[in-house]
Amino acid sequence: MPSFFSDQSNFPDISIQVIVDTLVFLTLCGSLAALNQLGQPGLTGFWCHDESISLPYKDDSISKPVLLAMGFGVPLCVILLTECFRLATSNKKTRTIKAQLLTVVKAYGVFMFGMAADMLLTEMLKYSVGRPRPHFMDVCKPHFDHTNCSSVIWPKVRYVEEYECSNTKFHPKLLRDSRLSFPSGHASVSVYSALFTVFYLQLRLELKSSYLLRPLTQFGVMLLAIYCCVSRITDHKHFASDIAAGSTIGFTFAWMAFYKLGMRVIPEAPTANKPRVLPRAMSVESEPQTPTPLLRPAAYVQGRRPDFADKV
């Protein structure tokens, strides 16, 4: 694999590529930060006496800082440990620390880009939909005209569109957050991080001493993502449909980031069942030419028809 660590002739082109890719990544991060600071969720109404959004408020089992630390830290640790293991167990003397470091940088760069895109789309949907969370009534305590909900016949089918949150016990950011239920950001981030890690282990980690260690590690990573998703329901932060939507977004971005972008820059580990394939020639002229004596008929080589040699 060509590398700017060893091939200085490609340094200008690689420098431009790094600069452009960095600007693209910073654009995604800047858009995400601006949306979180300035965005306002759509004002979505609610049904009178809706019990699904009247659950009590509970603290997070997995806070957002913990989610981000695990979501970004676990893949980085797995990538580093995998490449260190490959370097320690490699029989090839040509494999260097610089080559492994370059693989780590490329793999984690792809991961970071996919994560930024995943989070940006999730937040855009949150602010666009503005769905109340299951604890919305407890956090917001909306003030509205109760005469709309005083119908004797069907009080629950009245829809309230105009209201204001009257609860002053919570921070305004938490009041805004109470209308950001769909889709689940925790599910989107955790599923993306877990699946990208699983895909990376499947591609790069080859263990000859154990058949079960790699799938066990992959299963453990997925368990963390599943626990994160389930905790959002038990903490009264999301509905099951929010979790399903967030998980779908995370799966989609993990698959696209790894298999559509990562496979172009992350080398695949050769195995005994899948030997390394040499690249094919790009044109007929570049194919090695067979020496002319080897193309002569067997009859001439055996010397039975010497008169044929004069015509060749």
C-alpha atoms as a PDB file:
ATOM      1  CA  MET A   1       0.000   0.000   0.000  1.00  0.00           C
ATOM      2  CA  PRO A   2       1.444   3.411  -0.913  1.00  0.00           C
ATOM      3  CA  SER A   3       2.065   5.646   2.032  1.00  0.00           C
ATOM      4  CA  PHE A   4       3.148   9.227   2.426  1.00  0.00           C
ATOM      5  CA  PHE A   5       5.463   8.028   5.203  1.00  0.00           C
ATOM      6  CA  SER A   6       7.622   6.245   2.648  1.00  0.00           C
ATOM      7  CA  ASP A   7       6.759   7.845  -0.686  1.00  0.00           C
ATOM      8  CA  GLN A   8       7.598  11.529  -0.628  1.00  0.00           C
ATOM      9  CA  SER A   9       6.771  11.993  -4.329  1.00  0.00           C
ATOM     10  CA  ASN A  10       3.038  11.950  -3.562  1.00  0.00           C
ATOM     11  CA  PHE A  11       3.342  14.344  -0.636  1.00  0.00           C
ATOM     12  CA  PRO A  12       1.718  17.403  -2.336  1.00  0.00           C
ATOM     13  CA  ASP A  13      -1.313  15.423  -3.546  1.00  0.00           C
ATOM     14  CA  ILE A  14      -1.763  13.744  -0.164  1.00  0.00           C
ATOM     15  CA  SER A  15      -1.463  17.087   1.626  1.00  0.00           C
ATOM     16  CA  ILE A  16      -4.278  18.538  -0.484  1.00  0.00           C
ATOM     17  CA  GLN A  17      -6.409  15.468   0.153  1.00  0.00           C
ATOM     18  CA  VAL A  18      -5.868  15.707   3.908  1.00  0.00           C
ATOM     19  CA  ILE A  19      -6.730  19.416   3.909  1.00  0.00           C
ATOM     20  CA  VAL A  20      -9.920  18.930   1.887  1.00  0.00           C
ATOM     21  CA  ASP A  21     -11.070  15.959   3.976  1.00  0.00           C
ATOM     22  CA  THR A  22     -10.364  17.880   7.176  1.00  0.00           C
ATOM     23  CA  LEU A  23     -12.432  20.829   5.954  1.00  0.00           C
ATOM     24  CA  VAL A  24     -15.315  18.499   5.078  1.00  0.00           C
ATOM     25  CA  PHE A  25     -15.185  16.917   8.526  1.00  0.00           C
ATOM     26  CA  LEU A  26     -15.012  20.300  10.271  1.00  0.00           C
ATOM     27  CA  THR A  27     -18.003  21.465   8.234  1.00  0.00           C
ATOM     28  CA  LEU A  28     -20.053  18.549   9.530  1.00  0.00           C
ATOM     29  CA  CYS A  29     -18.931  19.196  13.104  1.00  0.00           C
ATOM     30  CA  GLY A  30     -19.641  22.921  12.817  1.00  0.00           C
ATOM     31  CA  SER A  31     -23.118  22.281  11.450  1.00  0.00           C
ATOM     32  CA  LEU A  32     -23.822  19.861  14.286  1.00  0.00           C
ATOM     33  CA  ALA A  33     -22.611  22.325  16.932  1.00  0.00           C
ATOM     34  CA  ALA A  34     -24.639  25.189  15.451  1.00  0.00           C
ATOM     35  CA  LEU A  35     -27.767  23.041  15.353  1.00  0.00           C
ATOM     36  CA  ASN A  36     -27.397  22.052  18.995  1.00  0.00           C
ATOM     37  CA  GLN A  37     -26.830  25.638  20.115  1.00  0.00           C
ATOM     38  CA  LEU A  38     -29.306  27.528  17.932  1.00  0.00           C
ATOM     39  CA  GLY A  39     -31.866  24.935  16.869  1.00  0.00           C
ATOM     40  CA  GLN A  40     -35.429  24.992  18.158  1.00  0.00           C
ATOM     41  CA  PRO A  41     -37.624  21.896  17.902  1.00  0.00           C
ATOM     42  CA  GLY A  42     -40.829  22.062  15.947  1.00  0.00           C
ATOM     43  CA  LEU A  43     -43.824  22.901  18.119  1.00  0.00           C
ATOM     44  CA  THR A  44     -45.748  19.639  18.064  1.00  0.00           C
ATOM     45  CA  GLY A  45     -49.012  19.371  19.938  1.00  0.00           C
ATOM     46  CA  PHE A  46     -50.338  16.543  22.072  1.00  0.00           C
ATOM     47  CA  TRP A  47     -53.583  14.753  22.813  1.00  0.00           C
ATOM     48  CA  CYS A  48     -55.585  15.521  25.910  1.00  0.00           C
ATOM     49  CA  HIS A  49     -54.876  13.139  28.784  1.00  0.00           C
ATOM     50  CA  ASP A  50     -52.205  11.332  26.756  1.00  0.00           C
ATOM     51  CA  GLU A  51     -50.750   8.860  29.225  1.00  0.00           C
ATOM     52  CA  SER A  52     -47.831   7.916  26.950  1.00  0.00           C
ATOM     53  CA  ILE A  53     -46.178  11.311  27.541  1.00  0.00           C
ATOM     54  CA  SER A  54     -47.156  11.585  31.206  1.00  0.00           C
ATOM     55  CA  LEU A  55     -44.481   9.349  32.723  1.00  0.00           C
ATOM     56  CA  PRO A  56     -42.294  10.729  35.541  1.00  0.00           C
ATOM     57  CA  TYR A  57     -38.870  12.192  34.801  1.00  0.00           C
ATOM     58  CA  LYS A  58     -35.868   9.974  35.559  1.00  0.00           C
ATOM     59  CA  ASP A  59     -32.139  10.603  35.355  1.00  0.00           C
ATOM     60  CA  ASP A  60     -30.170   8.987  32.549  1.00  0.00           C
ATOM     61  CA  SER A  61     -28.707   5.564  33.168  1.00  0.00           C
ATOM     62  CA  ILE A  62     -26.166   6.415  30.456  1.00  0.00           C
ATOM     63  CA  SER A  63     -25.513  10.140  30.315  1.00  0.00           C
ATOM     64  CA  LYS A  64     -24.530  11.899  27.124  1.00  0.00           C
ATOM     65  CA  PRO A  65     -20.857  12.360  28.157  1.00  0.00           C
ATOM     66  CA  VAL A  66     -20.617   8.650  28.963  1.00  0.00           C
ATOM     67  CA  LEU A  67     -22.262   7.792  25.641  1.00  0.00           C
ATOM     68  CA  LEU A  68     -19.792   9.916  23.680  1.00  0.00           C
ATOM     69  CA  ALA A  69     -16.818   8.601  25.651  1.00  0.00           C
ATOM     70  CA  MET A  70     -17.839   5.000  25.000  1.00  0.00           C
ATOM     71  CA  GLY A  71     -18.987   5.652  21.449  1.00  0.00           C
ATOM     72  CA  PHE A  72     -15.686   7.235  20.432  1.00  0.00           C
ATOM     73  CA  GLY A  73     -13.346   5.449  22.839  1.00  0.00           C
ATOM     74  CA  VAL A  74     -14.304   1.795  22.353  1.00  0.00           C
ATOM     75  CA  PRO A  75     -13.718   1.765  18.559  1.00  0.00           C
ATOM     76  CA  LEU A  76     -10.405   3.588  18.981  1.00  0.00           C
ATOM     77  CA  CYS A  77      -9.187   1.096  21.598  1.00  0.00           C
ATOM     78  CA  VAL A  78     -10.305  -1.853  19.478  1.00  0.00           C
ATOM     79  CA  ILE A  79      -8.590  -0.494  16.368  1.00  0.00           C
ATOM     80  CA  LEU A  80      -5.355   0.196  18.258  1.00  0.00           C
ATOM     81  CA  LEU A  81      -5.310  -3.206  19.974  1.00  0.00           C
ATOM     82  CA  THR A  82      -6.096  -5.000  16.727  1.00  0.00           C
ATOM     83  CA  GLU A  83      -3.265  -3.333  14.839  1.00  0.00           C
ATOM     84  CA  CYS A  84      -0.847  -3.888  17.736  1.00  0.00           C
ATOM     85  CA  PHE A  85      -1.788  -7.557  17.761  1.00  0.00           C
ATOM     86  CA  ARG A  86      -1.273  -7.829  14.006  1.00  0.00           C
ATOM     87  CA  LEU A  87       2.107  -6.126  14.305  1.00  0.00           C
ATOM     88  CA  ALA A  88       3.219  -8.426  17.126  1.00  0.00           C
ATOM     89  CA  THR A  89       2.111 -11.642  15.406  1.00  0.00           C
ATOM     90  CA  SER A  90       3.161 -10.775  11.868  1.00  0.00           C
ATOM     91  CA  ASN A  91       5.838 -12.943  10.258  1.00  0.00           C
ATOM     92  CA  LYS A  92       6.674 -10.340   7.644  1.00  0.00           C
ATOM     93  CA  LYS A  93       9.718  -8.244   8.354  1.00  0.00           C
ATOM     94  CA  THR A  94       8.501  -5.515   6.015  1.00  0.00           C
ATOM     95  CA  ARG A  95       5.573  -4.628   8.275  1.00  0.00           C
ATOM     96  CA  THR A  96       6.472  -1.469  10.168  1.00  0.00           C
ATOM     97  CA  ILE A  97       4.968   0.604  12.928  1.00  0.00           C
ATOM     98  CA  LYS A  98       4.386   3.439  10.468  1.00  0.00           C
ATOM     99  CA  ALA A  99       2.276   1.212   8.231  1.00  0.00           C
ATOM    100  CA  GLN A 100       0.144   0.060  11.155  1.00  0.00           C
ATOM    101  CA  LEU A 101      -0.182   3.635  12.406  1.00  0.00           C
ATOM    102  CA  LEU A 102      -1.356   4.732   8.981  1.00  0.00           C
ATOM    103  CA  THR A 103      -4.017   2.021   9.039  1.00  0.00           C
ATOM    104  CA  VAL A 104      -5.203   3.235  12.451  1.00  0.00           C
ATOM    105  CA  VAL A 105      -5.412   6.835  11.242  1.00  0.00           C
ATOM    106  CA  LYS A 106      -7.337   5.901   8.100  1.00  0.00           C
ATOM    107  CA  ALA A 107      -9.750   3.575   9.898  1.00  0.00           C
ATOM    108  CA  TYR A 108     -10.517   6.009  12.701  1.00  0.00           C
ATOM    109  CA  GLY A 109     -10.805   8.873  10.244  1.00  0.00           C
ATOM    110  CA  VAL A 110     -13.495   6.973   8.355  1.00  0.00           C
ATOM    111  CA  PHE A 111     -15.201   6.194  11.656  1.00  0.00           C
ATOM    112  CA  MET A 112     -15.182   9.850  12.732  1.00  0.00           C
ATOM    113  CA  PHE A 113     -16.605  11.041   9.418  1.00  0.00           C
ATOM    114  CA  GLY A 114     -19.411   8.493   9.549  1.00  0.00           C
ATOM    115  CA  MET A 115     -20.161   9.346  13.171  1.00  0.00           C
ATOM    116  CA  ALA A 116     -20.381  13.071  12.406  1.00  0.00           C
ATOM    117  CA  ALA A 117     -22.761  12.439   9.502  1.00  0.00           C
ATOM    118  CA  ASP A 118     -24.823  10.047  11.624  1.00  0.00           C
ATOM    119  CA  MET A 119     -25.180  12.529  14.480  1.00  0.00           C
ATOM    120  CA  LEU A 120     -25.976  15.420  12.134  1.00  0.00           C
ATOM    121  CA  LEU A 121     -28.827  13.568  10.429  1.00  0.00           C
ATOM    122  CA  THR A 122     -30.185  12.372  13.777  1.00  0.00           C
ATOM    123  CA  GLU A 123     -30.207  15.880  15.239  1.00  0.00           C
ATOM    124  CA  MET A 124     -31.804  17.335  12.112  1.00  0.00           C
ATOM    125  CA  LEU A 125     -34.645  14.835  12.394  1.00  0.00           C
ATOM    126  CA  LYS A 126     -35.029  15.555  16.107  1.00  0.00           C
ATOM    127  CA  TYR A 127     -35.480  19.283  15.587  1.00  0.00           C
ATOM    128  CA  SER A 128     -37.649  18.817  12.510  1.00  0.00           C
ATOM    129  CA  VAL A 129     -40.104  16.368  14.098  1.00  0.00           C
ATOM    130  CA  GLY A 130     -40.211  17.789  17.635  1.00  0.00           C
ATOM    131  CA  ARG A 131     -41.888  14.747  19.161  1.00  0.00           C
ATOM    132  CA  PRO A 132     -42.579  14.987  22.933  1.00  0.00           C
ATOM    133  CA  ARG A 133     -40.706  12.537  25.126  1.00  0.00           C
ATOM    134  CA  PRO A 134     -42.510  10.103  27.457  1.00  0.00           C
ATOM    135  CA  HIS A 135     -41.768  12.468  30.386  1.00  0.00           C
ATOM    136  CA  PHE A 136     -42.918  15.567  28.515  1.00  0.00           C
ATOM    137  CA  MET A 137     -45.874  16.417  30.763  1.00  0.00           C
ATOM    138  CA  ASP A 138     -43.815  16.066  33.942  1.00  0.00           C
ATOM    139  CA  VAL A 139     -40.958  18.238  32.664  1.00  0.00           C
ATOM    140  CA  CYS A 140     -42.921  20.853  30.730  1.00  0.00           C
ATOM    141  CA  LYS A 141     -46.176  21.063  32.698  1.00  0.00           C
ATOM    142  CA  PRO A 142     -47.798  22.776  29.713  1.00  0.00           C
ATOM    143  CA  HIS A 143     -50.155  25.678  30.312  1.00  0.00           C
ATOM    144  CA  PHE A 144     -53.048  25.660  27.848  1.00  0.00           C
ATOM    145  CA  ASP A 145     -56.778  26.221  27.579  1.00  0.00           C
ATOM    146  CA  HIS A 146     -58.244  23.240  29.409  1.00  0.00           C
ATOM    147  CA  THR A 147     -61.648  23.863  27.924  1.00  0.00           C
ATOM    148  CA  ASN A 148     -60.434  21.992  24.848  1.00  0.00           C
ATOM    149  CA  CYS A 149     -60.028  18.894  27.007  1.00  0.00           C
ATOM    150  CA  SER A 150     -63.288  19.243  28.943  1.00  0.00           C
ATOM    151  CA  SER A 151     -65.463  17.399  26.474  1.00  0.00           C
ATOM    152  CA  VAL A 152     -67.660  14.907  28.267  1.00  0.00           C
ATOM    153  CA  ILE A 153     -67.941  12.487  25.361  1.00  0.00           C
ATOM    154  CA  TRP A 154     -64.414  12.120  23.969  1.00  0.00           C
ATOM    155  CA  PRO A 155     -61.940  14.136  26.069  1.00  0.00           C
ATOM    156  CA  LYS A 156     -58.894  12.198  24.863  1.00  0.00           C
ATOM    157  CA  VAL A 157     -59.371  12.917  21.176  1.00  0.00           C
ATOM    158  CA  ARG A 158     -58.934  16.667  21.567  1.00  0.00           C
ATOM    159  CA  TYR A 159     -55.588  17.836  20.203  1.00  0.00           C
ATOM    160  CA  VAL A 160     -53.748  20.707  21.911  1.00  0.00           C
ATOM    161  CA  GLU A 161     -51.547  22.808  19.632  1.00  0.00           C
ATOM    162  CA  GLU A 162     -51.087  26.039  21.588  1.00  0.00           C
ATOM    163  CA  TYR A 163     -49.356  25.754  24.941  1.00  0.00           C
ATOM    164  CA  GLU A 164     -46.400  27.045  26.965  1.00  0.00           C
ATOM    165  CA  CYS A 165     -44.209  25.177  29.421  1.00  0.00           C
ATOM    166  CA  SER A 166     -44.797  26.505  32.926  1.00  0.00           C
ATOM    167  CA  ASN A 167     -42.323  24.387  34.884  1.00  0.00           C
ATOM    168  CA  THR A 168     -39.470  26.499  36.262  1.00  0.00           C
ATOM    169  CA  LYS A 169     -37.788  23.697  38.176  1.00  0.00           C
ATOM    170  CA  PHE A 170     -35.839  22.470  35.142  1.00  0.00           C
ATOM    171  CA  HIS A 171     -33.276  24.251  32.978  1.00  0.00           C
ATOM    172  CA  PRO A 172     -34.584  25.729  29.698  1.00  0.00           C
ATOM    173  CA  LYS A 173     -32.352  23.340  27.759  1.00  0.00           C
ATOM    174  CA  LEU A 174     -34.089  20.416  29.434  1.00  0.00           C
ATOM    175  CA  LEU A 175     -37.463  21.893  28.506  1.00  0.00           C
ATOM    176  CA  ARG A 176     -36.319  22.100  24.910  1.00  0.00           C
ATOM    177  CA  ASP A 177     -34.918  18.586  25.119  1.00  0.00           C
ATOM    178  CA  SER A 178     -38.305  17.255  26.239  1.00  0.00           C
ATOM    179  CA  ARG A 179     -39.503  17.710  22.639  1.00  0.00           C
ATOM    180  CA  LEU A 180     -36.610  15.865  20.983  1.00  0.00           C
ATOM    181  CA  SER A 181     -37.759  12.278  21.270  1.00  0.00           C
ATOM    182  CA  PHE A 182     -37.635  11.094  17.638  1.00  0.00           C
ATOM    183  CA  PRO A 183     -35.275   9.516  16.689  1.00  0.00           C
ATOM    184  CA  SER A 184     -33.129   8.303  19.584  1.00  0.00           C
ATOM    185  CA  GLY A 185     -29.664   9.815  19.519  1.00  0.00           C
ATOM    186  CA  HIS A 186     -28.356   7.273  22.021  1.00  0.00           C
ATOM    187  CA  ALA A 187     -29.528   4.407  19.820  1.00  0.00           C
ATOM    188  CA  SER A 188     -28.105   5.984  16.673  1.00  0.00           C
ATOM    189  CA  VAL A 189     -24.660   6.630  18.176  1.00  0.00           C
ATOM    190  CA  SER A 190     -24.347   3.348  20.078  1.00  0.00           C
ATOM    191  CA  VAL A 191     -25.477   1.164  17.170  1.00  0.00           C
ATOM    192  CA  TYR A 192     -23.201   2.984  14.723  1.00  0.00           C
ATOM    193  CA  SER A 193     -20.202   2.672  17.032  1.00  0.00           C
ATOM    194  CA  ALA A 194     -20.868  -0.991  17.831  1.00  0.00           C
ATOM    195  CA  LEU A 195     -21.459  -2.094  14.242  1.00  0.00           C
ATOM    196  CA  PHE A 196     -18.414  -0.256  12.908  1.00  0.00           C
ATOM    197  CA  THR A 197     -16.329  -2.000  15.564  1.00  0.00           C
ATOM    198  CA  VAL A 198     -17.845  -5.373  14.673  1.00  0.00           C
ATOM    199  CA  PHE A 199     -17.154  -4.828  10.972  1.00  0.00           C
ATOM    200  CA  TYR A 200     -13.560  -3.809  11.699  1.00  0.00           C
ATOM    201  CA  LEU A 201     -12.886  -6.868  13.845  1.00  0.00           C
ATOM    202  CA  GLN A 202     -14.326  -9.097  11.145  1.00  0.00           C
ATOM    203  CA  LEU A 203     -12.044  -7.577   8.522  1.00  0.00           C
ATOM    204  CA  ARG A 204      -8.764  -7.074  10.366  1.00  0.00           C
ATOM    205  CA  LEU A 205      -8.598  -9.499  13.298  1.00  0.00           C
ATOM    206  CA  GLU A 206      -7.479 -13.024  12.398  1.00  0.00           C
ATOM    207  CA  LEU A 207      -6.972 -15.367  15.355  1.00  0.00           C
ATOM    208  CA  LYS A 208      -5.457 -18.768  14.667  1.00  0.00           C
ATOM    209  CA  SER A 209      -5.493 -19.791  18.321  1.00  0.00           C
ATOM    210  CA  SER A 210      -9.234 -19.345  18.887  1.00  0.00           C
ATOM    211  CA  TYR A 211     -12.388 -19.458  16.801  1.00  0.00           C
ATOM    212  CA  LEU A 212     -14.624 -17.971  19.500  1.00  0.00           C
ATOM    213  CA  LEU A 213     -12.654 -15.000  20.827  1.00  0.00           C
ATOM    214  CA  ARG A 214     -13.479 -12.695  17.918  1.00  0.00           C
ATOM    215  CA  PRO A 215     -17.250 -13.415  17.867  1.00  0.00           C
ATOM    216  CA  LEU A 216     -17.300 -13.158  21.664  1.00  0.00           C
ATOM    217  CA  THR A 217     -15.739  -9.693  21.460  1.00  0.00           C
ATOM    218  CA  GLN A 218     -18.205  -8.673  18.771  1.00  0.00           C
ATOM    219  CA  PHE A 219     -21.086  -9.975  20.879  1.00  0.00           C
ATOM    220  CA  GLY A 220     -19.881  -7.990  23.893  1.00  0.00           C
ATOM    221  CA  VAL A 221     -19.738  -4.781  21.863  1.00  0.00           C
ATOM    222  CA  MET A 222     -23.266  -5.336  20.582  1.00  0.00           C
ATOM    223  CA  LEU A 223     -24.499  -6.009  24.123  1.00  0.00           C
ATOM    224  CA  LEU A 224     -23.317  -2.542  25.147  1.00  0.00           C
ATOM    225  CA  ALA A 225     -25.312  -0.988  22.308  1.00  0.00           C
ATOM    226  CA  ILE A 226     -28.408  -3.047  23.157  1.00  0.00           C
ATOM    227  CA  TYR A 227     -28.203  -2.062  26.821  1.00  0.00           C
ATOM    228  CA  CYS A 228     -27.905   1.588  25.839  1.00  0.00           C
ATOM    229  CA  CYS A 229     -31.021   1.326  23.658  1.00  0.00           C
ATOM    230  CA  VAL A 230     -33.088  -0.474  26.286  1.00  0.00           C
ATOM    231  CA  SER A 231     -32.077   1.991  29.002  1.00  0.00           C
ATOM    232  CA  ARG A 232     -33.608   4.842  27.017  1.00  0.00           C
ATOM    233  CA  ILE A 233     -37.012   3.177  27.270  1.00  0.00           C
ATOM    234  CA  THR A 234     -36.736   2.335  30.964  1.00  0.00           C
ATOM    235  CA  ASP A 235     -35.516   5.879  31.705  1.00  0.00           C
ATOM    236  CA  HIS A 236     -38.673   7.307  30.065  1.00  0.00           C
ATOM    237  CA  LYS A 237     -36.588   9.122  27.457  1.00  0.00           C
ATOM    238  CA  HIS A 238     -37.829   7.428  24.277  1.00  0.00           C
ATOM    239  CA  PHE A 239     -40.544   5.299  22.766  1.00  0.00           C
ATOM    240  CA  ALA A 240     -39.800   1.978  21.104  1.00  0.00           C
ATOM    241  CA  SER A 241     -40.330   3.564  17.683  1.00  0.00           C
ATOM    242  CA  ASP A 242     -37.667   6.170  18.508  1.00  0.00           C
ATOM    243  CA  ILE A 243     -35.200   3.399  19.331  1.00  0.00           C
ATOM    244  CA  ALA A 244     -36.028   1.539  16.125  1.00  0.00           C
ATOM    245  CA  ALA A 245     -35.528   4.658  14.005  1.00  0.00           C
ATOM    246  CA  GLY A 246     -32.250   5.571  15.705  1.00  0.00           C
ATOM    247  CA  SER A 247     -30.927   2.021  15.376  1.00  0.00           C
ATOM    248  CA  THR A 248     -31.808   2.003  11.675  1.00  0.00           C
ATOM    249  CA  ILE A 249     -29.909   5.244  11.137  1.00  0.00           C
ATOM    250  CA  GLY A 250     -26.903   3.898  13.035  1.00  0.00           C
ATOM    251  CA  PHE A 251     -26.896   0.643  11.070  1.00  0.00           C
ATOM    252  CA  THR A 252     -27.200   2.446   7.732  1.00  0.00           C
ATOM    253  CA  PHE A 253     -24.336   4.854   8.400  1.00  0.00           C
ATOM    254  CA  ALA A 254     -22.110   2.129   9.861  1.00  0.00           C
ATOM    255  CA  TRP A 255     -22.584  -0.044   6.784  1.00  0.00           C
ATOM    256  CA  MET A 256     -22.084   2.830   4.349  1.00  0.00           C
ATOM    257  CA  ALA A 257     -19.058   4.268   6.164  1.00  0.00           C
ATOM    258  CA  PHE A 258     -17.273   0.940   6.463  1.00  0.00           C
ATOM    259  CA  TYR A 259     -18.135  -0.909   3.269  1.00  0.00           C
ATOM    260  CA  LYS A 260     -18.533   2.017   0.868  1.00  0.00           C
ATOM    261  CA  LEU A 261     -15.744   4.240   2.185  1.00  0.00           C
ATOM    262  CA  GLY A 262     -13.606   2.277   4.609  1.00  0.00           C
ATOM    263  CA  MET A 263     -12.974  -0.691   2.316  1.00  0.00           C
ATOM    264  CA  ARG A 264     -11.160   1.667  -0.046  1.00  0.00           C
ATOM    265  CA  VAL A 265      -8.546   2.654   2.521  1.00  0.00           C
ATOM    266  CA  ILE A 266      -8.519  -0.151   5.119  1.00  0.00           C
ATOM    267  CA  PRO A 267      -6.500  -3.192   3.936  1.00  0.00           C
ATOM    268  CA  GLU A 268      -8.082  -6.593   4.380  1.00  0.00           C
ATOM    269  CA  ALA A 269      -6.241  -9.176   6.439  1.00  0.00           C
ATOM    270  CA  PRO A 270      -5.141 -12.131   4.233  1.00  0.00           C
ATOM    271  CA  THR A 271      -6.028 -15.554   5.594  1.00  0.00           C
ATOM    272  CA  ALA A 272      -5.064 -19.112   4.817  1.00  0.00           C
ATOM    273  CA  ASN A 273      -8.360 -19.679   3.057  1.00  0.00           C
ATOM    274  CA  LYS A 274      -8.163 -16.393   1.210  1.00  0.00           C
ATOM    275  CA  PRO A 275      -4.623 -15.809  -0.093  1.00  0.00           C
ATOM    276  CA  ARG A 276      -3.421 -12.433  -1.180  1.00  0.00           C
ATOM    277  CA  VAL A 277      -4.205 -11.800  -4.850  1.00  0.00           C
ATOM    278  CA  LEU A 278      -1.651  -9.997  -6.973  1.00  0.00           C
ATOM    279  CA  PRO A 279      -2.958  -7.070  -9.014  1.00  0.00           C
ATOM    280  CA  ARG A 280      -3.747  -7.728 -12.673  1.00  0.00           C
ATOM    281  CA  ALA A 281      -2.064  -5.840 -15.442  1.00  0.00           C
ATOM    282  CA  MET A 282      -3.970  -2.839 -16.741  1.00  0.00           C
ATOM    283  CA  SER A 283      -3.229  -3.444 -20.453  1.00  0.00           C
ATOM    284  CA  VAL A 284      -2.079  -6.123 -22.852  1.00  0.00           C
ATOM    285  CA  GLU A 285       1.203  -4.306 -23.455  1.00  0.00           C
ATOM    286  CA  SER A 286       2.044  -4.511 -19.752  1.00  0.00           C
ATOM    287  CA  GLU A 287       1.538  -8.299 -19.624  1.00  0.00           C
ATOM    288  CA  PRO A 288       4.795 -10.311 -19.531  1.00  0.00           C
ATOM    289  CA  GLN A 289       5.703 -11.609 -22.984  1.00  0.00           C
ATOM    290  CA  THR A 290       6.377 -15.314 -23.495  1.00  0.00           C
ATOM    291  CA  PRO A 291       9.783 -15.979 -25.123  1.00  0.00           C
ATOM    292  CA  THR A 292       9.513 -16.855 -28.803  1.00  0.00           C
ATOM    293  CA  PRO A 293      11.198 -20.317 -28.542  1.00  0.00           C
ATOM    294  CA  LEU A 294       8.511 -21.434 -26.146  1.00  0.00           C
ATOM    295  CA  LEU A 295       5.843 -20.590 -28.707  1.00  0.00           C
ATOM    296  CA  ARG A 296       7.265 -22.927 -31.363  1.00  0.00           C
ATOM    297  CA  PRO A 297       5.416 -26.174 -32.058  1.00  0.00           C
ATOM    298  CA  ALA A 298       6.376 -29.317 -30.182  1.00  0.00           C
ATOM    299  CA  ALA A 299       7.280 -30.975 -33.464  1.00  0.00           C
ATOM    300  CA  TYR A 300      10.016 -28.430 -34.102  1.00  0.00           C
ATOM    301  CA  VAL A 301      11.333 -28.657 -30.534  1.00  0.00           C
ATOM    302  CA  GLN A 302      11.645 -32.436 -30.894  1.00  0.00           C
ATOM    303  CA  GLY A 303      13.453 -31.938 -34.189  1.00  0.00           C
ATOM    304  CA  ARG A 304      11.152 -33.976 -36.438  1.00  0.00           C
ATOM    305  CA  ARG A 305      10.520 -31.160 -38.938  1.00  0.00           C
ATOM    306  CA  PRO A 306      13.640 -28.999 -39.363  1.00  0.00           C
ATOM    307  CA  ASP A 307      12.225 -27.455 -42.541  1.00  0.00           C
ATOM    308  CA  PHE A 308       9.485 -25.794 -40.471  1.00  0.00           C
ATOM    309  CA  ALA A 309      12.056 -23.878 -38.436  1.00  0.00           C
ATOM    310  CA  ASP A 310      13.168 -21.913 -41.455  1.00  0.00           C
ATOM    311  CA  LYS A 311       9.652 -20.624 -41.936  1.00  0.00           C
ATOM    312  CA  VAL A 312       9.187 -19.498 -38.351  1.00  0.00           C
END
